[in-house]
Structure formats: structure tokens, C-alpha cells
Amino acid sequence: MNSFISKIHQAHLECSDCPSPKVIQKFFEEVLGLLFPEFAPEKIKDKELIEEKFSNLEKTLASILSRNLHLHSGDGDHIARDFFKGLERVYDWIQEDVEAIFAGDPAAKSRTEILRSYPGFYAIAAYRIAHLLHQLGVSLIPRIITEFAHSKTGIEIHPGARIGQYFCIDHGTGVVIGETTVIGNHVKIYQGVTLGALSVNKADADIKRHPTIEDHVVIYSGATILGGKTIIGENSVIGGNVWLTKSVPAGSKVYYQTQMYHTDTAVTDLYIFKNDQDEAI
């Protein structure tokens, strides 16, 4: 038992001074609750109190960063100030995401329903907030935020991914969006979609490993799109359970078609349709 205690003691001595995930989760939830009263313990009716809460949260972030200098390369106070300056743009983009979800889901009866109950909204909002920190050169903290959202929603979005405006995740469980993914505007994806890498070698950590999804693309449930050189052209539709490791041109429709023969043997082919002319790939 003494040797075990010694191991635990050593682990505590060697542990980084990084903030506890609970501290970051609390900060994120307070920011989200301030931006969206649906997540606040109570509505804030006093405008000056809202301003005070923003100021206090800025001080909280500055304090976290000042105690963890290894997590960023700049001045903690300046980073915190820039983060809260950037929140207005993030807020506007999240509102556009809500519009995209509302327009894209016939089951959504109101925007309030989306804010209060849709995992896609929660995961996207967490990503947008975390991505702003990531852009400001903060490490680890953005990942803690998105992994917290992942634990609540089943949707994993790396804070390093670049996602455009009017982004919609419908249902969402099992969605994975990798670190170097680039997603354009007005993109909609369903549950179980993976935008991943072909290689998991550490040597590839600093290169683009994940696909690019251009504007106005729809990706249906269970589709897997892999590779940093893979580009899904704009206005394309990727069908359910499709596995893609190479690019498709704009305006494509890619899906599996199963053909039955007299022996009752099913043969599945992957087809790409473009401009009403079908071509097997």
C-alpha cells in the first residue's frame, strides 16, 4: 500500500497546474447562460448587472490564464479582453446556427425549443466559444469545453476545426469533426457522421488530415468522409453510410444502391450522380 500511495503522491507532484475541468466547465456554462438566458439560473432584468457579469467573467478568464502561463503565448489580460470583444460575433454566428437548425428541421416548433433541448445547438455553441479561445492561442482550455459538450451530447467537434455560418447538426449523436476539418456555409449534417483522418500517425499532427466540406452540402447519417485532400464540392448530397476517401465535384449526389439478383444475393455499389448523369465510382 505504501508504494501505491507513493505513486499517487508522485502523480500529484508532477501534475500540471492546468485548471480543473470543473473550473472550465463552470466558466463555459456561465458564459453560455449570459449569452442565452435559457441556460441561466434566472433572467437578468438589470442591464448594468449584465455588464457587471461580463466584467467578472473577463476577470475570471484572465485569472485562469495568468495562473496557467503554459497554456498560451500572450498576455492573459489581453487574451481575456480580446475573447470578450469577440463574443458578439460568436453570438451572432450562433444565432445563425439556430436559424439553420430551425429552418432545416420540420420537428422544431420554436427557436426556444432548439435552445433548450437540441444537442446540436449545445455542441455548436460550445465549439464556437472554444474556437474563439483557440484562435487567440489558448491551448487545452478549448478542448476541455468541447469535450464537456461531447459528454453531454455525443457530438465531438475539435475546437481547431473551421466551420462557416448557418451550420446545422440534426439529431447529432455520434458526430465527429476532426481538428483540421474545414466546413463552409449552410452545411447540414446528421447523426453518426465522421469527418476524420486517413492516418493517425503522430508525424501527421501538423498537416491537414481532415476533409473540406464546401457550401450548401448535406451529409446524411452514418457517412464517413476521410482525408485532408478530400473535398466535397458545393451543393452536394452525401447519402447515409457512404464511405469516402476522395473528392467529389460540386453538385454531386453520392449514395449506396443495392441491387438484388435472382440468387437473392445483394450487391451494393457506390454511385455518384452529377447533372442527371450517373457514374459508378
Protein backbone atom coordinates (compact mmCIF):
# COMPACT_ATOMS: atom_id res chain seq x y z
CA MET A 1 0.00 0.00 0.00
CA ASN A 2 2.86 2.38 0.76
CA SER A 3 4.22 2.00 -2.76
CA PHE A 4 0.79 2.75 -4.19
CA ILE A 5 0.48 5.87 -2.01
CA SER A 6 3.93 6.92 -3.21
CA LYS A 7 2.84 6.54 -6.84
CA ILE A 8 -0.24 8.69 -6.24
CA HIS A 9 1.85 11.26 -4.37
CA GLN A 10 4.27 11.45 -7.28
CA ALA A 11 1.40 11.88 -9.72
CA HIS A 12 0.13 14.85 -7.71
CA LEU A 13 3.59 16.40 -7.61
CA GLU A 14 4.04 16.01 -11.36
CA CYS A 15 0.52 17.13 -12.32
CA SER A 16 0.42 20.28 -14.42
CA ASP A 17 -1.04 23.38 -12.84
CA CYS A 18 -3.71 23.38 -15.56
CA PRO A 19 -7.16 24.40 -14.31
CA SER A 20 -9.52 21.65 -13.27
CA PRO A 21 -12.07 20.65 -15.93
CA LYS A 22 -14.77 21.63 -13.42
CA VAL A 23 -13.39 25.19 -13.31
CA ILE A 24 -13.51 25.43 -17.12
CA GLN A 25 -16.95 23.85 -17.29
CA LYS A 26 -18.26 26.40 -14.79
CA PHE A 27 -16.75 29.27 -16.77
CA PHE A 28 -18.23 27.98 -20.04
CA GLU A 29 -21.70 27.43 -18.57
CA GLU A 30 -21.68 30.93 -17.07
CA VAL A 31 -20.73 32.41 -20.46
CA LEU A 32 -23.43 30.37 -22.19
CA GLY A 33 -26.00 31.36 -19.58
CA LEU A 34 -25.13 35.02 -20.04
CA LEU A 35 -25.42 34.81 -23.83
CA PHE A 36 -28.58 32.70 -23.75
CA PRO A 37 -30.92 33.22 -20.78
CA GLU A 38 -32.41 29.79 -21.48
CA PHE A 39 -29.27 28.41 -19.78
CA ALA A 40 -29.13 30.94 -16.94
CA PRO A 41 -30.37 30.13 -13.41
CA GLU A 42 -32.60 33.18 -13.73
CA LYS A 43 -33.28 36.01 -16.15
CA ILE A 44 -31.24 39.17 -15.64
CA LYS A 45 -33.51 42.21 -15.93
CA ASP A 46 -30.93 44.83 -14.99
CA LYS A 47 -28.74 45.94 -17.90
CA GLU A 48 -25.99 47.11 -15.54
CA LEU A 49 -25.93 43.68 -13.92
CA ILE A 50 -25.32 42.06 -17.31
CA GLU A 51 -22.40 44.42 -17.86
CA GLU A 52 -21.08 43.56 -14.40
CA LYS A 53 -21.31 39.83 -15.10
CA PHE A 54 -19.39 40.23 -18.35
CA SER A 55 -16.71 42.13 -16.46
CA ASN A 56 -16.50 39.48 -13.75
CA LEU A 57 -16.23 36.66 -16.30
CA GLU A 58 -13.45 38.54 -18.10
CA LYS A 59 -11.59 38.77 -14.79
CA THR A 60 -12.19 35.05 -14.19
CA LEU A 61 -10.70 34.13 -17.56
CA ALA A 62 -7.75 36.48 -17.05
CA SER A 63 -7.11 34.88 -13.66
CA ILE A 64 -7.24 31.36 -15.12
CA LEU A 65 -4.80 32.33 -17.87
CA SER A 66 -2.44 34.16 -15.51
CA ARG A 67 -2.16 31.05 -13.33
CA ASN A 68 -1.51 28.83 -16.36
CA LEU A 69 1.04 30.63 -18.50
CA HIS A 70 1.98 27.40 -20.27
CA LEU A 71 -1.46 27.32 -21.93
CA HIS A 72 -0.93 30.43 -24.06
CA SER A 73 1.79 32.58 -25.56
CA GLY A 74 0.37 36.04 -24.86
CA ASP A 75 -0.74 38.24 -22.00
CA GLY A 76 -3.66 36.74 -20.07
CA ASP A 77 -5.41 40.08 -19.55
CA HIS A 78 -5.22 40.94 -23.25
CA ILE A 79 -6.42 37.49 -24.31
CA ALA A 80 -9.38 37.72 -21.92
CA ARG A 81 -10.21 41.20 -23.23
CA ASP A 82 -10.00 40.04 -26.86
CA PHE A 83 -12.12 36.99 -26.08
CA PHE A 84 -14.98 39.09 -24.72
CA LYS A 85 -14.67 41.56 -27.59
CA GLY A 86 -15.05 38.63 -29.98
CA LEU A 87 -18.10 37.20 -28.22
CA GLU A 88 -20.51 39.49 -30.09
CA ARG A 89 -19.52 37.94 -33.44
CA VAL A 90 -19.69 34.46 -31.91
CA TYR A 91 -23.15 35.22 -30.53
CA ASP A 92 -24.35 36.39 -33.96
CA TRP A 93 -22.99 33.26 -35.62
CA ILE A 94 -24.66 31.00 -33.04
CA GLN A 95 -27.95 32.80 -33.70
CA GLU A 96 -27.46 31.99 -37.40
CA ASP A 97 -26.88 28.35 -36.46
CA VAL A 98 -30.18 28.38 -34.56
CA GLU A 99 -31.88 29.75 -37.69
CA ALA A 100 -30.29 26.98 -39.78
CA ILE A 101 -31.48 24.29 -37.35
CA PHE A 102 -34.98 25.76 -37.21
CA ALA A 103 -35.23 26.02 -40.99
CA GLY A 104 -33.81 22.55 -41.52
CA ASP A 105 -35.87 20.55 -39.01
CA PRO A 106 -39.65 20.30 -39.52
CA ALA A 107 -39.95 18.93 -35.97
CA ALA A 108 -38.65 22.17 -34.44
CA LYS A 109 -41.66 24.15 -33.28
CA SER A 110 -39.76 27.18 -31.98
CA ARG A 111 -36.27 28.62 -31.56
CA THR A 112 -36.73 28.30 -27.80
CA GLU A 113 -37.18 24.55 -28.22
CA ILE A 114 -33.87 24.40 -30.10
CA LEU A 115 -32.05 26.42 -27.44
CA ARG A 116 -33.42 24.41 -24.54
CA SER A 117 -33.37 20.88 -25.89
CA TYR A 118 -31.34 20.37 -29.07
CA PRO A 119 -27.92 18.72 -28.61
CA GLY A 120 -26.81 20.10 -31.96
CA PHE A 121 -27.26 23.65 -30.71
CA TYR A 122 -25.38 22.96 -27.48
CA ALA A 123 -22.43 21.31 -29.23
CA ILE A 124 -22.16 24.04 -31.87
CA ALA A 125 -22.36 26.80 -29.25
CA ALA A 126 -19.61 25.13 -27.23
CA TYR A 127 -17.49 24.79 -30.37
CA ARG A 128 -17.96 28.47 -31.33
CA ILE A 129 -16.91 29.67 -27.87
CA ALA A 130 -13.99 27.22 -27.69
CA HIS A 131 -12.86 28.07 -31.22
CA LEU A 132 -12.59 31.75 -30.30
CA LEU A 133 -10.21 30.83 -27.48
CA HIS A 134 -8.32 28.52 -29.84
CA GLN A 135 -7.90 31.37 -32.33
CA LEU A 136 -6.44 33.52 -29.56
CA GLY A 137 -3.70 30.95 -29.00
CA VAL A 138 -5.10 29.29 -25.88
CA SER A 139 -4.45 25.56 -25.63
CA LEU A 140 -6.21 22.79 -23.67
CA ILE A 141 -8.99 25.00 -22.29
CA PRO A 142 -10.89 25.00 -25.62
CA ARG A 143 -10.59 21.22 -25.75
CA ILE A 144 -11.98 20.89 -22.23
CA ILE A 145 -15.00 22.95 -23.30
CA THR A 146 -15.75 20.89 -26.42
CA GLU A 147 -15.18 17.59 -24.62
CA PHE A 148 -17.60 18.72 -21.91
CA ALA A 149 -20.17 19.32 -24.66
CA HIS A 150 -19.22 15.95 -26.16
CA SER A 151 -20.01 14.22 -22.86
CA LYS A 152 -23.45 15.87 -22.76
CA THR A 153 -24.45 15.49 -26.42
CA GLY A 154 -22.44 12.68 -28.01
CA ILE A 155 -21.17 15.22 -30.56
CA GLU A 156 -17.40 15.71 -30.78
CA ILE A 157 -16.15 18.86 -32.52
CA HIS A 158 -12.48 19.72 -32.21
CA PRO A 159 -12.04 23.44 -31.40
CA GLY A 160 -9.44 23.71 -34.17
CA ALA A 161 -11.95 22.89 -36.90
CA ARG A 162 -13.05 25.80 -39.10
CA ILE A 163 -16.83 25.95 -39.50
CA GLY A 164 -18.71 28.57 -41.50
CA GLN A 165 -22.04 30.25 -40.90
CA TYR A 166 -25.53 28.70 -40.71
CA PHE A 167 -24.27 25.30 -39.55
CA CYS A 168 -26.86 22.65 -38.69
CA ILE A 169 -26.39 19.35 -36.88
CA ASP A 170 -29.64 17.36 -36.79
CA HIS A 171 -30.04 14.68 -34.08
CA GLY A 172 -26.28 14.62 -33.74
CA THR A 173 -25.33 11.60 -31.65
CA GLY A 174 -22.06 10.09 -32.83
CA VAL A 175 -20.94 13.05 -34.95
CA VAL A 176 -17.14 13.50 -35.07
CA ILE A 177 -15.49 16.57 -36.65
CA GLY A 178 -11.71 16.45 -36.63
CA GLU A 179 -9.17 19.14 -35.86
CA THR A 180 -8.28 20.28 -39.38
CA THR A 181 -11.76 19.94 -40.89
CA VAL A 182 -12.94 22.92 -42.94
CA ILE A 183 -16.71 23.37 -43.33
CA GLY A 184 -18.32 26.08 -45.46
CA ASN A 185 -21.59 27.95 -45.04
CA HIS A 186 -25.08 26.44 -44.93
CA VAL A 187 -23.87 22.88 -44.29
CA LYS A 188 -26.15 20.32 -42.65
CA ILE A 189 -25.05 17.00 -41.17
CA TYR A 190 -26.95 14.20 -39.47
CA GLN A 191 -26.15 11.74 -36.70
CA GLY A 192 -23.22 9.37 -36.94
CA VAL A 193 -21.26 11.44 -39.48
CA THR A 194 -17.46 11.26 -39.21
CA LEU A 195 -15.21 13.89 -40.78
CA GLY A 196 -11.92 12.24 -39.97
CA ALA A 197 -8.34 11.48 -40.93
CA LEU A 198 -6.93 8.69 -43.05
CA SER A 199 -3.83 8.49 -40.88
CA VAL A 200 -3.38 8.53 -37.12
CA ASN A 201 0.40 8.83 -37.22
CA LYS A 202 1.77 11.44 -34.81
CA ALA A 203 4.09 12.58 -37.60
CA ASP A 204 1.00 13.91 -39.41
CA ALA A 205 -0.13 16.06 -36.47
CA ASP A 206 0.81 19.36 -38.12
CA ILE A 207 -0.68 18.74 -41.56
CA LYS A 208 -4.27 18.96 -42.80
CA ARG A 209 -5.65 15.50 -42.06
CA HIS A 210 -9.40 16.06 -42.28
CA PRO A 211 -11.73 16.83 -45.20
CA THR A 212 -13.05 20.08 -46.60
CA ILE A 213 -16.83 20.43 -46.95
CA GLU A 214 -17.86 23.28 -49.23
CA ASP A 215 -21.01 25.44 -49.04
CA HIS A 216 -24.57 24.06 -49.11
CA VAL A 217 -23.60 20.40 -48.58
CA VAL A 218 -25.89 17.89 -46.84
CA ILE A 219 -24.33 14.78 -45.26
CA TYR A 220 -26.75 12.07 -44.15
CA SER A 221 -26.47 9.73 -41.18
CA GLY A 222 -23.58 7.32 -40.85
CA ALA A 223 -21.48 8.82 -43.66
CA THR A 224 -17.70 8.74 -43.20
CA ILE A 225 -15.50 11.21 -45.08
CA LEU A 226 -11.76 10.92 -44.53
CA GLY A 227 -8.55 12.63 -45.58
CA GLY A 228 -7.04 16.09 -45.72
CA LYS A 229 -7.13 16.17 -49.51
CA THR A 230 -10.76 15.09 -49.72
CA ILE A 231 -13.06 17.91 -50.86
CA ILE A 232 -16.84 17.65 -51.07
CA GLY A 233 -17.91 20.17 -53.71
CA GLU A 234 -20.59 22.73 -53.00
CA ASN A 235 -24.28 21.83 -53.32
CA SER A 236 -23.51 18.12 -52.98
CA VAL A 237 -25.53 15.49 -51.11
CA ILE A 238 -23.73 12.60 -49.40
CA GLY A 239 -26.05 9.70 -48.64
CA GLY A 240 -26.28 7.63 -45.49
CA ASN A 241 -23.48 5.16 -44.68
CA VAL A 242 -21.32 6.31 -47.59
CA TRP A 243 -17.56 5.89 -47.09
CA LEU A 244 -15.49 8.49 -48.99
CA THR A 245 -11.74 8.96 -49.17
CA LYS A 246 -11.55 11.02 -52.35
CA SER A 247 -13.05 14.27 -53.58
CA VAL A 248 -16.37 14.65 -55.38
CA PRO A 249 -17.24 17.60 -57.67
CA ALA A 250 -19.79 20.29 -56.95
CA GLY A 251 -23.43 19.33 -57.39
CA SER A 252 -22.85 15.63 -56.74
CA LYS A 253 -25.16 13.09 -55.13
CA VAL A 254 -23.33 10.13 -53.62
CA TYR A 255 -25.15 7.15 -52.18
CA TYR A 256 -25.25 3.37 -51.93
CA GLN A 257 -27.56 1.48 -54.24
CA THR A 258 -28.26 -2.17 -53.53
CA GLN A 259 -29.10 -4.47 -56.45
CA MET A 260 -30.82 -7.83 -55.91
CA TYR A 261 -30.12 -10.78 -58.21
CA HIS A 262 -32.14 -13.96 -58.76
CA THR A 263 -29.86 -15.75 -56.29
CA ASP A 264 -31.08 -13.30 -53.61
CA THR A 265 -27.51 -12.07 -53.29
CA ALA A 266 -27.29 -8.36 -52.56
CA VAL A 267 -24.59 -6.40 -54.36
CA THR A 268 -24.01 -2.85 -53.18
CA ASP A 269 -22.44 -0.25 -55.44
CA LEU A 270 -21.46 3.31 -54.65
CA TYR A 271 -22.67 5.79 -57.22
CA ILE A 272 -22.02 9.44 -57.85
CA PHE A 273 -24.71 11.39 -59.64
CA LYS A 274 -23.98 14.78 -61.21
CA ASN A 275 -26.09 16.82 -63.62
CA ASP A 276 -28.53 13.91 -64.07
CA GLN A 277 -25.79 11.64 -65.45
CA ASP A 278 -24.84 8.75 -63.19
CA GLU A 279 -21.35 7.33 -63.00
CA ALA A 280 -20.25 4.49 -60.73
CA ILE A 281 -17.19 5.14 -58.61
